[in-house]
Amino acid sequence: MPHTRQVYDSLHEIDVALVELRALALQERQDIVGVNLAGLNERHVGIEKLLASIGDLNTRIIAQIGSACDAFGLKGEKSLSELIAVMPKPERDKYARLQKAVRAGSATIKNELAINRALLKDSLAFTDYSLQMFTGILKAGTSTMYGQKGRFVETADVPRIICKEI
C-alpha cells in the first residue's frame, strides 16, 4: 500500500535524523568539556536545525499514519501501533523494528541532551562561584591603599588587581 510506504520512509528519515542528532550531542559534550565555545555554538545551531526537521517529520508522519489507517479501515485511535497491528506479517515485523529503533533513539537523545544541559548548568554555576570568590578577594572596599609613589589613595568599591614588579 502506498500510504504505508510513506509512513515507513518518514520513520526511516526520523531514525537517520536521530542518529545524526546523537552524533552532534556527543560532539557538543566534547565541546563543553574542552571549553570550545565556537564549536559549541556550531553544534547548538546544528542541533536546533535537526530538532526542527524532526518536528516537521513528526507532523508529516502523523498525517500519513492517519491516511494509512483510513486505507485499512481502522476506526478510533489512529496510531502507528494500531497500524502495525493490522499489517501483514512480513511488513509488520519490519515496521515494528523501525518503530522500536525510533523509540530507542529518541530516548537516547533525550538522555544525551539532558547530560549536556547538566554539564552546562554545572559549568555556569562553577564559573559564577569562582567569580564571586575572586570578586570578594579582590574588592578593595573603602579602605586606603598605597599608590602613586607611596601616597595613600582612596579606592573605589570595584575589584582590582595590583601588579608589582620585583
C-alpha atoms as a PDB file:
ATOM      1  CA  MET A   1       0.000   0.000   0.000  1.00  0.00           C
ATOM      2  CA  PRO A   2       1.398   3.412  -0.916  1.00  0.00           C
ATOM      3  CA  HIS A   3       0.261   5.011   2.351  1.00  0.00           C
ATOM      4  CA  THR A   4       2.215   2.554   4.458  1.00  0.00           C
ATOM      5  CA  ARG A   5       5.335   3.020   2.338  1.00  0.00           C
ATOM      6  CA  GLN A   6       5.200   6.773   3.027  1.00  0.00           C
ATOM      7  CA  VAL A   7       4.963   6.042   6.752  1.00  0.00           C
ATOM      8  CA  TYR A   8       7.985   3.734   6.533  1.00  0.00           C
ATOM      9  CA  ASP A   9      10.027   6.298   4.591  1.00  0.00           C
ATOM     10  CA  SER A  10       9.205   9.044   7.085  1.00  0.00           C
ATOM     11  CA  LEU A  11      10.029   6.772  10.023  1.00  0.00           C
ATOM     12  CA  HIS A  12      13.328   5.939   8.388  1.00  0.00           C
ATOM     13  CA  GLU A  13      14.099   9.665   7.920  1.00  0.00           C
ATOM     14  CA  ILE A  14      13.385  10.248  11.603  1.00  0.00           C
ATOM     15  CA  ASP A  15      15.671   7.359  12.549  1.00  0.00           C
ATOM     16  CA  VAL A  16      18.505   8.772  10.409  1.00  0.00           C
ATOM     17  CA  ALA A  17      17.985  12.250  11.902  1.00  0.00           C
ATOM     18  CA  LEU A  18      18.136  10.793  15.423  1.00  0.00           C
ATOM     19  CA  VAL A  19      21.465   9.122  14.650  1.00  0.00           C
ATOM     20  CA  GLU A  20      22.825  12.460  13.357  1.00  0.00           C
ATOM     21  CA  LEU A  21      21.424  14.239  16.412  1.00  0.00           C
ATOM     22  CA  ARG A  22      23.156  11.794  18.756  1.00  0.00           C
ATOM     23  CA  ALA A  23      26.476  12.377  16.980  1.00  0.00           C
ATOM     24  CA  LEU A  24      26.015  16.150  17.364  1.00  0.00           C
ATOM     25  CA  ALA A  25      25.098  15.760  21.036  1.00  0.00           C
ATOM     26  CA  LEU A  26      28.279  13.767  21.678  1.00  0.00           C
ATOM     27  CA  GLN A  27      30.350  16.378  19.835  1.00  0.00           C
ATOM     28  CA  GLU A  28      28.615  19.068  21.858  1.00  0.00           C
ATOM     29  CA  ARG A  29      29.650  17.279  25.058  1.00  0.00           C
ATOM     30  CA  GLN A  30      33.258  17.257  23.876  1.00  0.00           C
ATOM     31  CA  ASP A  31      32.990  20.981  23.160  1.00  0.00           C
ATOM     32  CA  ILE A  32      31.603  21.611  26.657  1.00  0.00           C
ATOM     33  CA  VAL A  33      34.355  19.602  28.337  1.00  0.00           C
ATOM     34  CA  GLY A  34      37.044  21.114  26.098  1.00  0.00           C
ATOM     35  CA  VAL A  35      35.660  24.658  26.543  1.00  0.00           C
ATOM     36  CA  ASN A  36      35.394  25.068  22.768  1.00  0.00           C
ATOM     37  CA  LEU A  37      32.856  27.890  22.614  1.00  0.00           C
ATOM     38  CA  ALA A  38      32.976  28.280  18.831  1.00  0.00           C
ATOM     39  CA  GLY A  39      32.359  24.559  18.355  1.00  0.00           C
ATOM     40  CA  LEU A  40      29.643  24.619  20.996  1.00  0.00           C
ATOM     41  CA  ASN A  41      27.836  27.368  19.116  1.00  0.00           C
ATOM     42  CA  GLU A  42      28.076  25.423  15.831  1.00  0.00           C
ATOM     43  CA  ARG A  43      26.742  22.253  17.476  1.00  0.00           C
ATOM     44  CA  HIS A  44      23.882  24.182  19.053  1.00  0.00           C
ATOM     45  CA  VAL A  45      22.837  25.564  15.662  1.00  0.00           C
ATOM     46  CA  GLY A  46      23.074  22.077  14.121  1.00  0.00           C
ATOM     47  CA  ILE A  47      21.040  20.539  16.935  1.00  0.00           C
ATOM     48  CA  GLU A  48      18.344  23.208  16.605  1.00  0.00           C
ATOM     49  CA  LYS A  49      18.083  22.572  12.852  1.00  0.00           C
ATOM     50  CA  LEU A  50      17.815  18.817  13.317  1.00  0.00           C
ATOM     51  CA  LEU A  51      15.191  19.198  16.037  1.00  0.00           C
ATOM     52  CA  ALA A  52      13.146  21.454  13.752  1.00  0.00           C
ATOM     53  CA  SER A  53      13.493  18.912  10.948  1.00  0.00           C
ATOM     54  CA  ILE A  54      12.378  16.096  13.230  1.00  0.00           C
ATOM     55  CA  GLY A  55       9.403  18.211  14.323  1.00  0.00           C
ATOM     56  CA  ASP A  56       8.389  18.700  10.682  1.00  0.00           C
ATOM     57  CA  LEU A  57       8.806  14.981  10.007  1.00  0.00           C
ATOM     58  CA  ASN A  58       6.690  14.183  13.052  1.00  0.00           C
ATOM     59  CA  THR A  59       3.885  16.429  11.818  1.00  0.00           C
ATOM     60  CA  ARG A  60       4.058  14.808   8.384  1.00  0.00           C
ATOM     61  CA  ILE A  61       4.099  11.244   9.708  1.00  0.00           C
ATOM     62  CA  ILE A  62       1.040  11.838  11.899  1.00  0.00           C
ATOM     63  CA  ALA A  63      -0.933  12.773   8.796  1.00  0.00           C
ATOM     64  CA  GLN A  64       0.496   9.789   6.896  1.00  0.00           C
ATOM     65  CA  ILE A  65      -0.428   7.392   9.704  1.00  0.00           C
ATOM     66  CA  GLY A  66      -3.971   8.790   9.654  1.00  0.00           C
ATOM     67  CA  SER A  67      -4.221   8.215   5.892  1.00  0.00           C
ATOM     68  CA  ALA A  68      -2.820   4.687   6.172  1.00  0.00           C
ATOM     69  CA  CYS A  69      -5.231   3.856   8.999  1.00  0.00           C
ATOM     70  CA  ASP A  70      -8.106   5.127   6.866  1.00  0.00           C
ATOM     71  CA  ALA A  71      -6.917   2.937   3.969  1.00  0.00           C
ATOM     72  CA  PHE A  72      -7.027  -0.110   6.280  1.00  0.00           C
ATOM     73  CA  GLY A  73     -10.474   0.948   7.551  1.00  0.00           C
ATOM     74  CA  LEU A  74      -9.368   1.462  11.146  1.00  0.00           C
ATOM     75  CA  LYS A  75     -11.760   3.353  13.395  1.00  0.00           C
ATOM     76  CA  GLY A  76     -10.927   5.124  16.627  1.00  0.00           C
ATOM     77  CA  GLU A  77      -7.344   5.902  17.585  1.00  0.00           C
ATOM     78  CA  LYS A  78      -5.028   6.212  14.621  1.00  0.00           C
ATOM     79  CA  SER A  79      -1.559   5.400  15.876  1.00  0.00           C
ATOM     80  CA  LEU A  80       1.480   3.645  14.483  1.00  0.00           C
ATOM     81  CA  SER A  81       0.981   0.725  16.856  1.00  0.00           C
ATOM     82  CA  GLU A  82      -2.611   0.269  15.659  1.00  0.00           C
ATOM     83  CA  LEU A  83      -1.447   0.455  12.045  1.00  0.00           C
ATOM     84  CA  ILE A  84       1.307  -2.101  12.599  1.00  0.00           C
ATOM     85  CA  ALA A  85      -1.177  -4.485  14.236  1.00  0.00           C
ATOM     86  CA  VAL A  86      -3.285  -4.765  11.056  1.00  0.00           C
ATOM     87  CA  MET A  87      -0.388  -5.135   8.596  1.00  0.00           C
ATOM     88  CA  PRO A  88       0.526  -8.474   7.023  1.00  0.00           C
ATOM     89  CA  LYS A  89       3.221 -10.436   8.904  1.00  0.00           C
ATOM     90  CA  PRO A  90       6.423  -9.601   6.967  1.00  0.00           C
ATOM     91  CA  GLU A  91       5.575  -5.900   6.819  1.00  0.00           C
ATOM     92  CA  ARG A  92       4.509  -5.863  10.471  1.00  0.00           C
ATOM     93  CA  ASP A  93       7.924  -7.058  11.647  1.00  0.00           C
ATOM     94  CA  LYS A  94       9.776  -4.522   9.520  1.00  0.00           C
ATOM     95  CA  TYR A  95       7.662  -1.621  10.797  1.00  0.00           C
ATOM     96  CA  ALA A  96       7.842  -2.840  14.408  1.00  0.00           C
ATOM     97  CA  ARG A  97      11.667  -2.950  14.267  1.00  0.00           C
ATOM     98  CA  LEU A  98      11.797   0.569  12.875  1.00  0.00           C
ATOM     99  CA  GLN A  99       9.318   1.814  15.480  1.00  0.00           C
ATOM    100  CA  LYS A 100      11.459   0.254  18.222  1.00  0.00           C
ATOM    101  CA  ALA A 101      14.621   1.843  16.766  1.00  0.00           C
ATOM    102  CA  VAL A 102      12.995   5.290  16.679  1.00  0.00           C
ATOM    103  CA  ARG A 103      11.765   4.941  20.272  1.00  0.00           C
ATOM    104  CA  ALA A 104      15.203   3.832  21.480  1.00  0.00           C
ATOM    105  CA  GLY A 105      16.915   6.601  19.510  1.00  0.00           C
ATOM    106  CA  SER A 106      14.660   9.300  20.902  1.00  0.00           C
ATOM    107  CA  ALA A 107      15.181   8.052  24.479  1.00  0.00           C
ATOM    108  CA  THR A 108      18.953   8.053  23.925  1.00  0.00           C
ATOM    109  CA  ILE A 109      18.874  11.587  22.524  1.00  0.00           C
ATOM    110  CA  LYS A 110      16.779  12.779  25.451  1.00  0.00           C
ATOM    111  CA  ASN A 111      19.396  11.389  27.858  1.00  0.00           C
ATOM    112  CA  GLU A 112      22.354  12.790  25.890  1.00  0.00           C
ATOM    113  CA  LEU A 113      20.853  16.267  25.747  1.00  0.00           C
ATOM    114  CA  ALA A 114      19.962  16.122  29.465  1.00  0.00           C
ATOM    115  CA  ILE A 115      23.584  15.255  30.290  1.00  0.00           C
ATOM    116  CA  ASN A 116      24.827  18.148  28.148  1.00  0.00           C
ATOM    117  CA  ARG A 117      22.341  20.519  29.778  1.00  0.00           C
ATOM    118  CA  ALA A 118      23.512  19.400  33.243  1.00  0.00           C
ATOM    119  CA  LEU A 119      27.167  19.888  32.256  1.00  0.00           C
ATOM    120  CA  LEU A 120      26.460  23.408  31.036  1.00  0.00           C
ATOM    121  CA  LYS A 121      24.454  24.225  34.143  1.00  0.00           C
ATOM    122  CA  ASP A 122      27.225  22.958  36.424  1.00  0.00           C
ATOM    123  CA  SER A 123      29.877  24.799  34.417  1.00  0.00           C
ATOM    124  CA  LEU A 124      27.985  28.055  34.703  1.00  0.00           C
ATOM    125  CA  ALA A 125      27.406  27.530  38.433  1.00  0.00           C
ATOM    126  CA  PHE A 126      31.127  26.862  38.985  1.00  0.00           C
ATOM    127  CA  THR A 127      32.077  29.924  36.937  1.00  0.00           C
ATOM    128  CA  ASP A 128      29.654  32.069  38.921  1.00  0.00           C
ATOM    129  CA  TYR A 129      31.063  30.717  42.199  1.00  0.00           C
ATOM    130  CA  SER A 130      34.627  31.418  41.054  1.00  0.00           C
ATOM    131  CA  LEU A 131      33.747  34.971  40.012  1.00  0.00           C
ATOM    132  CA  GLN A 132      32.093  35.648  43.349  1.00  0.00           C
ATOM    133  CA  MET A 133      35.076  34.265  45.226  1.00  0.00           C
ATOM    134  CA  PHE A 134      37.616  36.310  43.281  1.00  0.00           C
ATOM    135  CA  THR A 135      35.451  39.412  43.447  1.00  0.00           C
ATOM    136  CA  GLY A 136      35.340  39.054  47.234  1.00  0.00           C
ATOM    137  CA  ILE A 137      39.103  38.590  47.432  1.00  0.00           C
ATOM    138  CA  LEU A 138      39.941  41.427  45.079  1.00  0.00           C
ATOM    139  CA  LYS A 139      37.495  44.020  46.355  1.00  0.00           C
ATOM    140  CA  ALA A 140      39.324  46.951  47.802  1.00  0.00           C
ATOM    141  CA  GLY A 141      36.386  48.275  49.793  1.00  0.00           C
ATOM    142  CA  THR A 142      36.545  51.837  51.056  1.00  0.00           C
ATOM    143  CA  SER A 143      39.906  51.438  52.748  1.00  0.00           C
ATOM    144  CA  THR A 144      43.004  53.189  51.605  1.00  0.00           C
ATOM    145  CA  MET A 145      45.887  51.610  49.776  1.00  0.00           C
ATOM    146  CA  TYR A 146      49.363  52.659  48.805  1.00  0.00           C
ATOM    147  CA  GLY A 147      49.623  54.033  45.334  1.00  0.00           C
ATOM    148  CA  GLN A 148      51.325  56.716  43.302  1.00  0.00           C
ATOM    149  CA  LYS A 149      54.824  56.587  44.851  1.00  0.00           C
ATOM    150  CA  GLY A 150      53.775  55.654  48.371  1.00  0.00           C
ATOM    151  CA  ARG A 151      50.910  58.090  48.904  1.00  0.00           C
ATOM    152  CA  PHE A 152      47.562  56.862  50.212  1.00  0.00           C
ATOM    153  CA  VAL A 153      44.781  56.838  47.656  1.00  0.00           C
ATOM    154  CA  GLU A 154      41.097  56.360  48.223  1.00  0.00           C
ATOM    155  CA  THR A 155      39.853  53.293  46.312  1.00  0.00           C
ATOM    156  CA  ALA A 156      36.589  52.620  44.609  1.00  0.00           C
ATOM    157  CA  ASP A 157      34.403  49.657  45.533  1.00  0.00           C
ATOM    158  CA  VAL A 158      35.375  47.620  42.475  1.00  0.00           C
ATOM    159  CA  PRO A 159      37.650  44.638  42.079  1.00  0.00           C
ATOM    160  CA  ARG A 160      41.300  45.495  41.395  1.00  0.00           C
ATOM    161  CA  ILE A 161      44.401  43.541  40.792  1.00  0.00           C
ATOM    162  CA  ILE A 162      47.594  45.164  42.000  1.00  0.00           C
ATOM    163  CA  CYS A 163      50.627  44.267  39.899  1.00  0.00           C
ATOM    164  CA  LYS A 164      54.017  44.709  41.461  1.00  0.00           C
ATOM    165  CA  GLU A 165      57.402  44.435  39.831  1.00  0.00           C
ATOM    166  CA  ILE A 166      60.146  42.801  41.862  1.00  0.00           C
END
